[in-house]
């Protein structure tokens, strides 16, 4: 049970926290990251959605767009790699280092069945000996900062003690923990007993990730765990991009327009831009009151011009009320 605290206590508790944007494939693109930082103020880190290693070719065009330094100017961006092959991780990390990146993140958290079936992401957690050997290789070969984003197991939280022993063998920039097992996906309550075990035993700096959907929830977490200094937030920031630094309806409107124009400027078709904006509205609709009519219209609209008219009317008619 999270104790009740006053607003003043919540603000004090969160004052020294570092905030990161979690990588969300197809959502937290370089266009999104840049617009967010420009409109709402930059977070401490923006994690680039995972790159998979390629044995015989360079980065795909889409991947290259995400990692180009000019597309991440003014923010601290951290690329994430998804693989179970140490050689591929090392090769990709060195290529990223040539672009100027000094920190790389390993994805041990993705719960997707297509990823897990290939023993990647959180599927790698089911093979602790192989994971240990993988980490030994990459930490021994690379001269840059390495962080890990992990779940607490694949099938059972009882796996976490063994995994934590392995993580403790390596000097990480930080260990980012989403305290669910792979089988939980994003359901069930976070298994905070695992996170508290990491607090007690981890030799690496920790970062918490999971189910922080409002500013109040963030501040209560900070009050409950006052020694924590890092938070990674995904869906909560997508729902309310001004959750950390505060935001107004005017800022949201500016942010929305930057996204639309940014994606059009990338050369995406109007259909592709509309798809991306609809995906965001799945979350963002909760920023406004009495939106049932507009939610239905956004879901059904097929062209960008009427879509923009719907959003303009929504912003004019609906109260801006971020969830507390």
C-alpha atoms as a PDB file:
ATOM      1  CA  UNK A   1       0.000   0.000   0.000  1.00  0.00           C
ATOM      2  CA  UNK A   2       1.430   3.378  -1.042  1.00  0.00           C
ATOM      3  CA  UNK A   3       1.062   5.870   1.816  1.00  0.00           C
ATOM      4  CA  UNK A   4      -0.816   9.112   1.360  1.00  0.00           C
ATOM      5  CA  UNK A   5       1.451  12.143   1.245  1.00  0.00           C
ATOM      6  CA  UNK A   6       0.877  15.860   0.864  1.00  0.00           C
ATOM      7  CA  UNK A   7       1.472  17.686  -2.425  1.00  0.00           C
ATOM      8  CA  UNK A   8       4.412  19.528  -0.851  1.00  0.00           C
ATOM      9  CA  UNK A   9       6.005  16.259   0.246  1.00  0.00           C
ATOM     10  CA  UNK A  10       5.452  14.794  -3.216  1.00  0.00           C
ATOM     11  CA  UNK A  11       7.177  17.743  -4.888  1.00  0.00           C
ATOM     12  CA  UNK A  12      10.134  17.533  -2.513  1.00  0.00           C
ATOM     13  CA  UNK A  13      10.458  13.790  -3.068  1.00  0.00           C
ATOM     14  CA  UNK A  14      10.577  14.137  -6.869  1.00  0.00           C
ATOM     15  CA  UNK A  15      12.859  17.176  -6.972  1.00  0.00           C
ATOM     16  CA  UNK A  16      16.141  15.330  -7.561  1.00  0.00           C
ATOM     17  CA  UNK A  17      14.830  12.584  -9.848  1.00  0.00           C
ATOM     18  CA  UNK A  18      16.121  11.858 -13.351  1.00  0.00           C
ATOM     19  CA  UNK A  19      13.401  11.068 -15.885  1.00  0.00           C
ATOM     20  CA  UNK A  20      13.745   8.935 -19.001  1.00  0.00           C
ATOM     21  CA  UNK A  21      11.377   8.267 -21.903  1.00  0.00           C
ATOM     22  CA  UNK A  22      10.996   4.540 -22.463  1.00  0.00           C
ATOM     23  CA  UNK A  23      11.466   3.193 -25.994  1.00  0.00           C
ATOM     24  CA  UNK A  24       8.137   2.324 -27.651  1.00  0.00           C
ATOM     25  CA  UNK A  25       8.457   0.925 -31.150  1.00  0.00           C
ATOM     26  CA  UNK A  26       6.728   3.049 -33.773  1.00  0.00           C
ATOM     27  CA  UNK A  27       5.763   5.733 -31.224  1.00  0.00           C
ATOM     28  CA  UNK A  28       8.860   7.323 -29.665  1.00  0.00           C
ATOM     29  CA  UNK A  29      10.463   8.061 -33.028  1.00  0.00           C
ATOM     30  CA  UNK A  30      13.066  10.770 -33.566  1.00  0.00           C
ATOM     31  CA  UNK A  31      10.264  13.099 -34.685  1.00  0.00           C
ATOM     32  CA  UNK A  32       8.422  12.444 -31.418  1.00  0.00           C
ATOM     33  CA  UNK A  33      11.537  12.810 -29.255  1.00  0.00           C
ATOM     34  CA  UNK A  34      12.561  16.080 -30.893  1.00  0.00           C
ATOM     35  CA  UNK A  35       9.071  17.592 -30.681  1.00  0.00           C
ATOM     36  CA  UNK A  36       8.708  16.559 -27.046  1.00  0.00           C
ATOM     37  CA  UNK A  37      11.998  18.126 -25.997  1.00  0.00           C
ATOM     38  CA  UNK A  38      11.319  21.359 -27.905  1.00  0.00           C
ATOM     39  CA  UNK A  39       7.770  21.871 -26.601  1.00  0.00           C
ATOM     40  CA  UNK A  40       7.896  20.465 -23.074  1.00  0.00           C
ATOM     41  CA  UNK A  41      11.590  20.633 -22.198  1.00  0.00           C
ATOM     42  CA  UNK A  42      14.050  17.795 -22.544  1.00  0.00           C
ATOM     43  CA  UNK A  43      14.030  14.793 -20.237  1.00  0.00           C
ATOM     44  CA  UNK A  44      17.317  13.447 -18.903  1.00  0.00           C
ATOM     45  CA  UNK A  45      17.400  10.592 -21.432  1.00  0.00           C
ATOM     46  CA  UNK A  46      15.410   9.414 -24.433  1.00  0.00           C
ATOM     47  CA  UNK A  47      15.855   5.731 -25.241  1.00  0.00           C
ATOM     48  CA  UNK A  48      15.750   4.907 -28.956  1.00  0.00           C
ATOM     49  CA  UNK A  49      13.475   1.912 -29.757  1.00  0.00           C
ATOM     50  CA  UNK A  50      15.481  -1.243 -30.205  1.00  0.00           C
ATOM     51  CA  UNK A  51      17.767  -1.975 -33.115  1.00  0.00           C
ATOM     52  CA  UNK A  52      18.292  -5.589 -34.138  1.00  0.00           C
ATOM     53  CA  UNK A  53      21.743  -6.702 -35.180  1.00  0.00           C
ATOM     54  CA  UNK A  54      22.447  -7.533 -38.824  1.00  0.00           C
ATOM     55  CA  UNK A  55      25.082 -10.017 -39.840  1.00  0.00           C
ATOM     56  CA  UNK A  56      25.874  -8.852 -43.372  1.00  0.00           C
ATOM     57  CA  UNK A  57      24.538  -5.334 -43.850  1.00  0.00           C
ATOM     58  CA  UNK A  58      24.493  -1.845 -42.443  1.00  0.00           C
ATOM     59  CA  UNK A  59      21.637  -0.103 -40.660  1.00  0.00           C
ATOM     60  CA  UNK A  60      18.315  -0.050 -42.471  1.00  0.00           C
ATOM     61  CA  UNK A  61      17.186   3.353 -43.696  1.00  0.00           C
ATOM     62  CA  UNK A  62      14.533   3.524 -40.958  1.00  0.00           C
ATOM     63  CA  UNK A  63      17.101   2.647 -38.290  1.00  0.00           C
ATOM     64  CA  UNK A  64      19.582   5.156 -39.655  1.00  0.00           C
ATOM     65  CA  UNK A  65      16.984   7.914 -39.412  1.00  0.00           C
ATOM     66  CA  UNK A  66      16.537   7.127 -35.713  1.00  0.00           C
ATOM     67  CA  UNK A  67      20.229   7.248 -34.821  1.00  0.00           C
ATOM     68  CA  UNK A  68      21.514  10.131 -36.961  1.00  0.00           C
ATOM     69  CA  UNK A  69      23.085  12.688 -34.596  1.00  0.00           C
ATOM     70  CA  UNK A  70      21.271  15.588 -36.270  1.00  0.00           C
ATOM     71  CA  UNK A  71      17.948  13.911 -35.509  1.00  0.00           C
ATOM     72  CA  UNK A  72      18.819  13.711 -31.810  1.00  0.00           C
ATOM     73  CA  UNK A  73      20.443  17.101 -31.423  1.00  0.00           C
ATOM     74  CA  UNK A  74      19.783  18.783 -28.091  1.00  0.00           C
ATOM     75  CA  UNK A  75      18.781  15.620 -26.220  1.00  0.00           C
ATOM     76  CA  UNK A  76      20.624  12.743 -24.617  1.00  0.00           C
ATOM     77  CA  UNK A  77      19.574   9.774 -26.738  1.00  0.00           C
ATOM     78  CA  UNK A  78      20.501   6.199 -25.838  1.00  0.00           C
ATOM     79  CA  UNK A  79      20.222   3.485 -28.515  1.00  0.00           C
ATOM     80  CA  UNK A  80      18.864   0.119 -27.465  1.00  0.00           C
ATOM     81  CA  UNK A  81      19.947  -3.191 -29.012  1.00  0.00           C
ATOM     82  CA  UNK A  82      17.887  -6.408 -29.111  1.00  0.00           C
ATOM     83  CA  UNK A  83      19.905  -9.574 -29.653  1.00  0.00           C
ATOM     84  CA  UNK A  84      21.188 -12.779 -28.048  1.00  0.00           C
ATOM     85  CA  UNK A  85      24.447 -12.771 -30.020  1.00  0.00           C
ATOM     86  CA  UNK A  86      27.392 -11.039 -28.343  1.00  0.00           C
ATOM     87  CA  UNK A  87      29.296 -10.634 -31.613  1.00  0.00           C
ATOM     88  CA  UNK A  88      26.371  -8.810 -33.200  1.00  0.00           C
ATOM     89  CA  UNK A  89      25.875  -6.597 -30.152  1.00  0.00           C
ATOM     90  CA  UNK A  90      29.553  -5.639 -30.117  1.00  0.00           C
ATOM     91  CA  UNK A  91      29.619  -4.873 -33.849  1.00  0.00           C
ATOM     92  CA  UNK A  92      26.444  -2.757 -33.654  1.00  0.00           C
ATOM     93  CA  UNK A  93      27.595  -0.966 -30.502  1.00  0.00           C
ATOM     94  CA  UNK A  94      30.879  -0.021 -32.151  1.00  0.00           C
ATOM     95  CA  UNK A  95      29.004   1.287 -35.197  1.00  0.00           C
ATOM     96  CA  UNK A  96      26.839   3.393 -32.889  1.00  0.00           C
ATOM     97  CA  UNK A  97      29.949   4.605 -31.099  1.00  0.00           C
ATOM     98  CA  UNK A  98      31.198   5.950 -34.428  1.00  0.00           C
ATOM     99  CA  UNK A  99      28.040   8.079 -34.571  1.00  0.00           C
ATOM    100  CA  UNK A 100      29.058   9.602 -31.243  1.00  0.00           C
ATOM    101  CA  UNK A 101      27.000   7.534 -28.791  1.00  0.00           C
ATOM    102  CA  UNK A 102      28.743   6.792 -25.499  1.00  0.00           C
ATOM    103  CA  UNK A 103      25.995   4.657 -23.921  1.00  0.00           C
ATOM    104  CA  UNK A 104      24.169   1.602 -25.273  1.00  0.00           C
ATOM    105  CA  UNK A 105      21.238  -0.237 -23.703  1.00  0.00           C
ATOM    106  CA  UNK A 106      20.530  -3.980 -23.895  1.00  0.00           C
ATOM    107  CA  UNK A 107      16.886  -4.996 -24.246  1.00  0.00           C
ATOM    108  CA  UNK A 108      16.034  -7.886 -21.916  1.00  0.00           C
ATOM    109  CA  UNK A 109      12.480  -6.688 -21.393  1.00  0.00           C
ATOM    110  CA  UNK A 110      10.463  -7.029 -24.608  1.00  0.00           C
ATOM    111  CA  UNK A 111       7.632  -9.535 -23.902  1.00  0.00           C
ATOM    112  CA  UNK A 112       6.469  -9.976 -27.533  1.00  0.00           C
ATOM    113  CA  UNK A 113       5.982 -13.641 -28.421  1.00  0.00           C
ATOM    114  CA  UNK A 114       7.766 -13.226 -31.758  1.00  0.00           C
ATOM    115  CA  UNK A 115      10.795 -11.817 -29.919  1.00  0.00           C
ATOM    116  CA  UNK A 116      10.680 -14.270 -27.015  1.00  0.00           C
ATOM    117  CA  UNK A 117      10.373 -17.294 -29.326  1.00  0.00           C
ATOM    118  CA  UNK A 118      13.820 -16.363 -30.697  1.00  0.00           C
ATOM    119  CA  UNK A 119      15.223 -16.209 -27.139  1.00  0.00           C
ATOM    120  CA  UNK A 120      15.627 -12.442 -27.339  1.00  0.00           C
ATOM    121  CA  UNK A 121      14.273  -9.700 -25.116  1.00  0.00           C
ATOM    122  CA  UNK A 122      12.745 -11.203 -21.983  1.00  0.00           C
ATOM    123  CA  UNK A 123      13.043 -14.619 -23.643  1.00  0.00           C
ATOM    124  CA  UNK A 124      16.810 -14.443 -23.023  1.00  0.00           C
ATOM    125  CA  UNK A 125      16.137 -14.447 -19.263  1.00  0.00           C
ATOM    126  CA  UNK A 126      15.206 -18.139 -19.419  1.00  0.00           C
ATOM    127  CA  UNK A 127      18.840 -18.982 -20.236  1.00  0.00           C
ATOM    128  CA  UNK A 128      20.880 -17.484 -17.389  1.00  0.00           C
ATOM    129  CA  UNK A 129      24.156 -19.271 -18.209  1.00  0.00           C
ATOM    130  CA  UNK A 130      24.034 -18.070 -21.821  1.00  0.00           C
ATOM    131  CA  UNK A 131      23.102 -14.584 -20.654  1.00  0.00           C
ATOM    132  CA  UNK A 132      26.044 -14.532 -18.251  1.00  0.00           C
ATOM    133  CA  UNK A 133      28.443 -15.518 -21.035  1.00  0.00           C
ATOM    134  CA  UNK A 134      26.895 -12.896 -23.342  1.00  0.00           C
ATOM    135  CA  UNK A 135      27.380 -10.153 -20.754  1.00  0.00           C
ATOM    136  CA  UNK A 136      30.942 -11.272 -20.061  1.00  0.00           C
ATOM    137  CA  UNK A 137      31.762 -10.921 -23.752  1.00  0.00           C
ATOM    138  CA  UNK A 138      30.204  -7.501 -24.335  1.00  0.00           C
ATOM    139  CA  UNK A 139      31.488  -5.926 -21.133  1.00  0.00           C
ATOM    140  CA  UNK A 140      34.951  -7.260 -21.868  1.00  0.00           C
ATOM    141  CA  UNK A 141      35.016  -5.995 -25.456  1.00  0.00           C
ATOM    142  CA  UNK A 142      33.444  -2.523 -25.299  1.00  0.00           C
ATOM    143  CA  UNK A 143      34.824   0.731 -23.910  1.00  0.00           C
ATOM    144  CA  UNK A 144      31.532   2.591 -23.493  1.00  0.00           C
ATOM    145  CA  UNK A 145      28.707   2.776 -20.969  1.00  0.00           C
ATOM    146  CA  UNK A 146      26.384  -0.205 -20.993  1.00  0.00           C
ATOM    147  CA  UNK A 147      22.980  -0.334 -19.349  1.00  0.00           C
ATOM    148  CA  UNK A 148      20.399  -3.130 -19.210  1.00  0.00           C
ATOM    149  CA  UNK A 149      16.608  -2.933 -19.311  1.00  0.00           C
ATOM    150  CA  UNK A 150      15.132  -6.126 -17.918  1.00  0.00           C
ATOM    151  CA  UNK A 151      12.090  -7.874 -16.581  1.00  0.00           C
ATOM    152  CA  UNK A 152      12.376  -9.978 -13.425  1.00  0.00           C
ATOM    153  CA  UNK A 153      12.068 -13.324 -15.168  1.00  0.00           C
ATOM    154  CA  UNK A 154      10.418 -15.158 -18.008  1.00  0.00           C
ATOM    155  CA  UNK A 155       8.003 -17.534 -16.299  1.00  0.00           C
ATOM    156  CA  UNK A 156       8.368 -16.868 -12.572  1.00  0.00           C
ATOM    157  CA  UNK A 157       9.584 -14.052 -10.303  1.00  0.00           C
ATOM    158  CA  UNK A 158      11.633 -16.711  -8.497  1.00  0.00           C
ATOM    159  CA  UNK A 159      14.059 -16.456 -11.423  1.00  0.00           C
ATOM    160  CA  UNK A 160      15.046 -12.942 -10.419  1.00  0.00           C
ATOM    161  CA  UNK A 161      17.470 -13.811  -7.623  1.00  0.00           C
ATOM    162  CA  UNK A 162      19.677 -15.770 -10.018  1.00  0.00           C
ATOM    163  CA  UNK A 163      19.436 -13.041 -12.653  1.00  0.00           C
ATOM    164  CA  UNK A 164      20.367 -10.355 -10.136  1.00  0.00           C
ATOM    165  CA  UNK A 165      23.445 -12.372  -9.135  1.00  0.00           C
ATOM    166  CA  UNK A 166      24.485 -12.342 -12.801  1.00  0.00           C
ATOM    167  CA  UNK A 167      23.840  -8.620 -13.247  1.00  0.00           C
ATOM    168  CA  UNK A 168      25.878  -7.875 -10.128  1.00  0.00           C
ATOM    169  CA  UNK A 169      28.984  -9.322 -11.798  1.00  0.00           C
ATOM    170  CA  UNK A 170      29.129  -6.435 -14.273  1.00  0.00           C
ATOM    171  CA  UNK A 171      29.644  -2.714 -13.837  1.00  0.00           C
ATOM    172  CA  UNK A 172      26.609  -1.204 -15.552  1.00  0.00           C
ATOM    173  CA  UNK A 173      25.710   2.405 -16.140  1.00  0.00           C
ATOM    174  CA  UNK A 174      22.335   1.427 -14.685  1.00  0.00           C
ATOM    175  CA  UNK A 175      20.010  -1.537 -14.360  1.00  0.00           C
ATOM    176  CA  UNK A 176      16.500  -0.590 -15.499  1.00  0.00           C
ATOM    177  CA  UNK A 177      13.896  -2.918 -14.016  1.00  0.00           C
ATOM    178  CA  UNK A 178      10.333  -3.424 -15.168  1.00  0.00           C
ATOM    179  CA  UNK A 179       9.145  -5.645 -12.297  1.00  0.00           C
ATOM    180  CA  UNK A 180       6.969  -8.030 -14.263  1.00  0.00           C
ATOM    181  CA  UNK A 181       7.789 -11.408 -15.776  1.00  0.00           C
ATOM    182  CA  UNK A 182       7.435 -12.004 -19.518  1.00  0.00           C
ATOM    183  CA  UNK A 183       4.211 -13.939 -19.019  1.00  0.00           C
ATOM    184  CA  UNK A 184       2.625 -10.890 -17.354  1.00  0.00           C
ATOM    185  CA  UNK A 185       3.005  -8.752 -20.478  1.00  0.00           C
ATOM    186  CA  UNK A 186       1.656  -5.413 -19.191  1.00  0.00           C
ATOM    187  CA  UNK A 187      -1.046  -6.914 -16.991  1.00  0.00           C
ATOM    188  CA  UNK A 188      -1.119  -7.794 -13.292  1.00  0.00           C
ATOM    189  CA  UNK A 189       0.452  -5.605 -10.659  1.00  0.00           C
ATOM    190  CA  UNK A 190       4.195  -4.872 -10.820  1.00  0.00           C
ATOM    191  CA  UNK A 191       6.063  -7.328  -8.610  1.00  0.00           C
ATOM    192  CA  UNK A 192       7.503  -4.753  -6.252  1.00  0.00           C
ATOM    193  CA  UNK A 193       9.037  -7.389  -3.990  1.00  0.00           C
ATOM    194  CA  UNK A 194      11.512  -8.091  -6.815  1.00  0.00           C
ATOM    195  CA  UNK A 195      12.349  -4.428  -7.189  1.00  0.00           C
ATOM    196  CA  UNK A 196      12.851  -4.150  -3.436  1.00  0.00           C
ATOM    197  CA  UNK A 197      15.193  -7.139  -3.578  1.00  0.00           C
ATOM    198  CA  UNK A 198      17.194  -5.289  -6.220  1.00  0.00           C
ATOM    199  CA  UNK A 199      17.273  -2.213  -3.974  1.00  0.00           C
ATOM    200  CA  UNK A 200      18.778  -4.337  -1.225  1.00  0.00           C
ATOM    201  CA  UNK A 201      21.235  -6.370  -3.306  1.00  0.00           C
ATOM    202  CA  UNK A 202      22.061  -4.646  -6.592  1.00  0.00           C
ATOM    203  CA  UNK A 203      25.648  -3.519  -7.072  1.00  0.00           C
ATOM    204  CA  UNK A 204      24.511  -1.317  -9.962  1.00  0.00           C
ATOM    205  CA  UNK A 205      22.488   1.938  -9.955  1.00  0.00           C
ATOM    206  CA  UNK A 206      18.799   1.180 -10.429  1.00  0.00           C
ATOM    207  CA  UNK A 207      16.089   2.747 -12.549  1.00  0.00           C
ATOM    208  CA  UNK A 208      12.416   1.850 -12.070  1.00  0.00           C
ATOM    209  CA  UNK A 209      10.010   1.368 -14.982  1.00  0.00           C
ATOM    210  CA  UNK A 210       6.357   0.385 -14.861  1.00  0.00           C
ATOM    211  CA  UNK A 211       2.794   1.662 -14.395  1.00  0.00           C
ATOM    212  CA  UNK A 212       3.513   5.321 -13.634  1.00  0.00           C
ATOM    213  CA  UNK A 213       0.640   6.988 -15.474  1.00  0.00           C
ATOM    214  CA  UNK A 214       0.276  10.335 -13.662  1.00  0.00           C
ATOM    215  CA  UNK A 215       2.440  12.967 -12.032  1.00  0.00           C
ATOM    216  CA  UNK A 216       0.868  12.069  -8.703  1.00  0.00           C
ATOM    217  CA  UNK A 217       1.858   8.429  -9.131  1.00  0.00           C
ATOM    218  CA  UNK A 218       5.429   9.514  -9.885  1.00  0.00           C
ATOM    219  CA  UNK A 219       5.613  11.700  -6.795  1.00  0.00           C
ATOM    220  CA  UNK A 220       4.133   8.995  -4.582  1.00  0.00           C
ATOM    221  CA  UNK A 221       6.705   6.534  -5.902  1.00  0.00           C
ATOM    222  CA  UNK A 222       9.453   9.005  -5.061  1.00  0.00           C
ATOM    223  CA  UNK A 223       8.066   9.406  -1.567  1.00  0.00           C
ATOM    224  CA  UNK A 224       7.761   5.643  -1.035  1.00  0.00           C
ATOM    225  CA  UNK A 225      11.262   4.975  -2.390  1.00  0.00           C
ATOM    226  CA  UNK A 226      13.136   8.172  -1.489  1.00  0.00           C
ATOM    227  CA  UNK A 227      16.582   6.768  -2.326  1.00  0.00           C
ATOM    228  CA  UNK A 228      15.694   6.179  -5.977  1.00  0.00           C
ATOM    229  CA  UNK A 229      17.137   8.682  -8.448  1.00  0.00           C
ATOM    230  CA  UNK A 230      15.961   7.426 -11.856  1.00  0.00           C
ATOM    231  CA  UNK A 231      12.581   6.719 -13.415  1.00  0.00           C
ATOM    232  CA  UNK A 232      11.805   5.485 -16.925  1.00  0.00           C
ATOM    233  CA  UNK A 233       8.253   6.245 -18.083  1.00  0.00           C
ATOM    234  CA  UNK A 234       6.558   5.013 -21.243  1.00  0.00           C
ATOM    235  CA  UNK A 235       2.782   4.942 -21.585  1.00  0.00           C
ATOM    236  CA  UNK A 236       2.275   7.617 -18.913  1.00  0.00           C
ATOM    237  CA  UNK A 237       4.317  10.147 -20.897  1.00  0.00           C
ATOM    238  CA  UNK A 238       2.644   9.188 -24.161  1.00  0.00           C
ATOM    239  CA  UNK A 239      -0.725   9.801 -22.507  1.00  0.00           C
ATOM    240  CA  UNK A 240       0.432  13.112 -21.044  1.00  0.00           C
ATOM    241  CA  UNK A 241       3.627  14.451 -22.655  1.00  0.00           C
ATOM    242  CA  UNK A 242       3.674  17.280 -20.108  1.00  0.00           C
ATOM    243  CA  UNK A 243       3.515  14.933 -17.143  1.00  0.00           C
ATOM    244  CA  UNK A 244       6.986  15.753 -15.814  1.00  0.00           C
ATOM    245  CA  UNK A 245       7.512  19.435 -16.555  1.00  0.00           C
ATOM    246  CA  UNK A 246       3.865  20.442 -16.748  1.00  0.00           C
ATOM    247  CA  UNK A 247       1.884  21.387 -19.826  1.00  0.00           C
ATOM    248  CA  UNK A 248      -1.052  23.403 -21.121  1.00  0.00           C
ATOM    249  CA  UNK A 249      -3.614  22.914 -23.867  1.00  0.00           C
ATOM    250  CA  UNK A 250      -1.678  25.409 -25.995  1.00  0.00           C
ATOM    251  CA  UNK A 251       1.504  23.362 -25.578  1.00  0.00           C
ATOM    252  CA  UNK A 252      -0.331  20.183 -26.500  1.00  0.00           C
ATOM    253  CA  UNK A 253      -1.694  21.844 -29.644  1.00  0.00           C
ATOM    254  CA  UNK A 254       1.806  22.995 -30.586  1.00  0.00           C
ATOM    255  CA  UNK A 255       3.193  19.504 -29.897  1.00  0.00           C
ATOM    256  CA  UNK A 256       0.485  17.892 -32.006  1.00  0.00           C
ATOM    257  CA  UNK A 257       1.182  20.188 -34.955  1.00  0.00           C
ATOM    258  CA  UNK A 258       4.915  19.583 -34.723  1.00  0.00           C
ATOM    259  CA  UNK A 259       4.311  15.862 -34.911  1.00  0.00           C
ATOM    260  CA  UNK A 260       2.043  16.088 -37.946  1.00  0.00           C
ATOM    261  CA  UNK A 261       4.381  18.468 -39.771  1.00  0.00           C
ATOM    262  CA  UNK A 262       7.427  16.497 -38.683  1.00  0.00           C
ATOM    263  CA  UNK A 263       6.087  13.250 -40.107  1.00  0.00           C
ATOM    264  CA  UNK A 264       4.978  14.932 -43.310  1.00  0.00           C
ATOM    265  CA  UNK A 265       8.424  16.499 -43.551  1.00  0.00           C
ATOM    266  CA  UNK A 266       9.956  13.050 -43.288  1.00  0.00           C
ATOM    267  CA  UNK A 267       8.163  12.156 -46.492  1.00  0.00           C
ATOM    268  CA  UNK A 268       5.539   9.896 -44.936  1.00  0.00           C
ATOM    269  CA  UNK A 269       2.268   9.620 -46.793  1.00  0.00           C
ATOM    270  CA  UNK A 270      -0.806  11.277 -45.295  1.00  0.00           C
ATOM    271  CA  UNK A 271      -2.185   7.780 -44.620  1.00  0.00           C
ATOM    272  CA  UNK A 272       0.935   6.844 -42.643  1.00  0.00           C
ATOM    273  CA  UNK A 273       0.862  10.105 -40.698  1.00  0.00           C
ATOM    274  CA  UNK A 274      -2.804   9.575 -39.867  1.00  0.00           C
ATOM    275  CA  UNK A 275      -2.057   6.059 -38.630  1.00  0.00           C
ATOM    276  CA  UNK A 276       0.673   7.359 -36.326  1.00  0.00           C
ATOM    277  CA  UNK A 277      -1.552  10.098 -34.923  1.00  0.00           C
ATOM    278  CA  UNK A 278      -4.423   7.672 -34.314  1.00  0.00           C
ATOM    279  CA  UNK A 279      -2.037   5.443 -32.392  1.00  0.00           C
ATOM    280  CA  UNK A 280      -1.125   8.375 -30.136  1.00  0.00           C
ATOM    281  CA  UNK A 281      -4.761   9.331 -29.579  1.00  0.00           C
ATOM    282  CA  UNK A 282      -5.371   5.919 -28.038  1.00  0.00           C
ATOM    283  CA  UNK A 283      -3.452   7.391 -25.084  1.00  0.00           C
ATOM    284  CA  UNK A 284      -3.873  11.153 -25.482  1.00  0.00           C
ATOM    285  CA  UNK A 285      -7.675  11.153 -25.567  1.00  0.00           C
ATOM    286  CA  UNK A 286      -7.547  10.832 -21.760  1.00  0.00           C
ATOM    287  CA  UNK A 287      -6.109  14.347 -21.502  1.00  0.00           C
ATOM    288  CA  UNK A 288      -9.513  15.830 -22.294  1.00  0.00           C
ATOM    289  CA  UNK A 289     -13.034  15.666 -20.884  1.00  0.00           C
ATOM    290  CA  UNK A 290     -16.184  14.583 -22.756  1.00  0.00           C
ATOM    291  CA  UNK A 291     -14.392  13.289 -25.838  1.00  0.00           C
ATOM    292  CA  UNK A 292     -16.595  10.316 -26.750  1.00  0.00           C
ATOM    293  CA  UNK A 293     -17.825  11.933 -29.988  1.00  0.00           C
ATOM    294  CA  UNK A 294     -14.353  13.011 -31.059  1.00  0.00           C
ATOM    295  CA  UNK A 295     -12.752   9.703 -30.124  1.00  0.00           C
ATOM    296  CA  UNK A 296     -15.142   7.927 -32.481  1.00  0.00           C
ATOM    297  CA  UNK A 297     -14.534  10.467 -35.250  1.00  0.00           C
ATOM    298  CA  UNK A 298     -10.747  10.176 -34.940  1.00  0.00           C
ATOM    299  CA  UNK A 299     -10.982   6.413 -35.079  1.00  0.00           C
ATOM    300  CA  UNK A 300     -13.052   6.476 -38.283  1.00  0.00           C
ATOM    301  CA  UNK A 301     -11.542   9.385 -40.221  1.00  0.00           C
ATOM    302  CA  UNK A 302      -9.643   8.356 -43.369  1.00  0.00           C
ATOM    303  CA  UNK A 303      -7.965  11.577 -44.523  1.00  0.00           C
ATOM    304  CA  UNK A 304      -5.595  14.024 -42.874  1.00  0.00           C
ATOM    305  CA  UNK A 305      -7.502  17.224 -43.647  1.00  0.00           C
ATOM    306  CA  UNK A 306     -10.772  16.225 -41.902  1.00  0.00           C
ATOM    307  CA  UNK A 307      -8.675  14.676 -39.129  1.00  0.00           C
ATOM    308  CA  UNK A 308      -7.090  18.057 -38.416  1.00  0.00           C
ATOM    309  CA  UNK A 309     -10.521  19.671 -38.345  1.00  0.00           C
ATOM    310  CA  UNK A 310     -11.731  17.103 -35.800  1.00  0.00           C
ATOM    311  CA  UNK A 311      -8.719  17.737 -33.583  1.00  0.00           C
ATOM    312  CA  UNK A 312      -9.156  21.500 -33.891  1.00  0.00           C
ATOM    313  CA  UNK A 313     -12.761  21.182 -32.728  1.00  0.00           C
ATOM    314  CA  UNK A 314     -11.791  18.841 -29.897  1.00  0.00           C
ATOM    315  CA  UNK A 315      -9.209  21.308 -28.650  1.00  0.00           C
ATOM    316  CA  UNK A 316     -11.715  24.144 -28.856  1.00  0.00           C
ATOM    317  CA  UNK A 317     -14.640  22.378 -27.206  1.00  0.00           C
ATOM    318  CA  UNK A 318     -13.164  19.949 -24.671  1.00  0.00           C
ATOM    319  CA  UNK A 319     -11.650  20.875 -21.324  1.00  0.00           C
ATOM    320  CA  UNK A 320      -7.986  20.030 -20.861  1.00  0.00           C
ATOM    321  CA  UNK A 321      -7.808  17.911 -17.713  1.00  0.00           C
ATOM    322  CA  UNK A 322      -4.729  15.704 -17.400  1.00  0.00           C
ATOM    323  CA  UNK A 323      -5.408  12.798 -15.017  1.00  0.00           C
ATOM    324  CA  UNK A 324      -4.217  13.608 -11.514  1.00  0.00           C
END
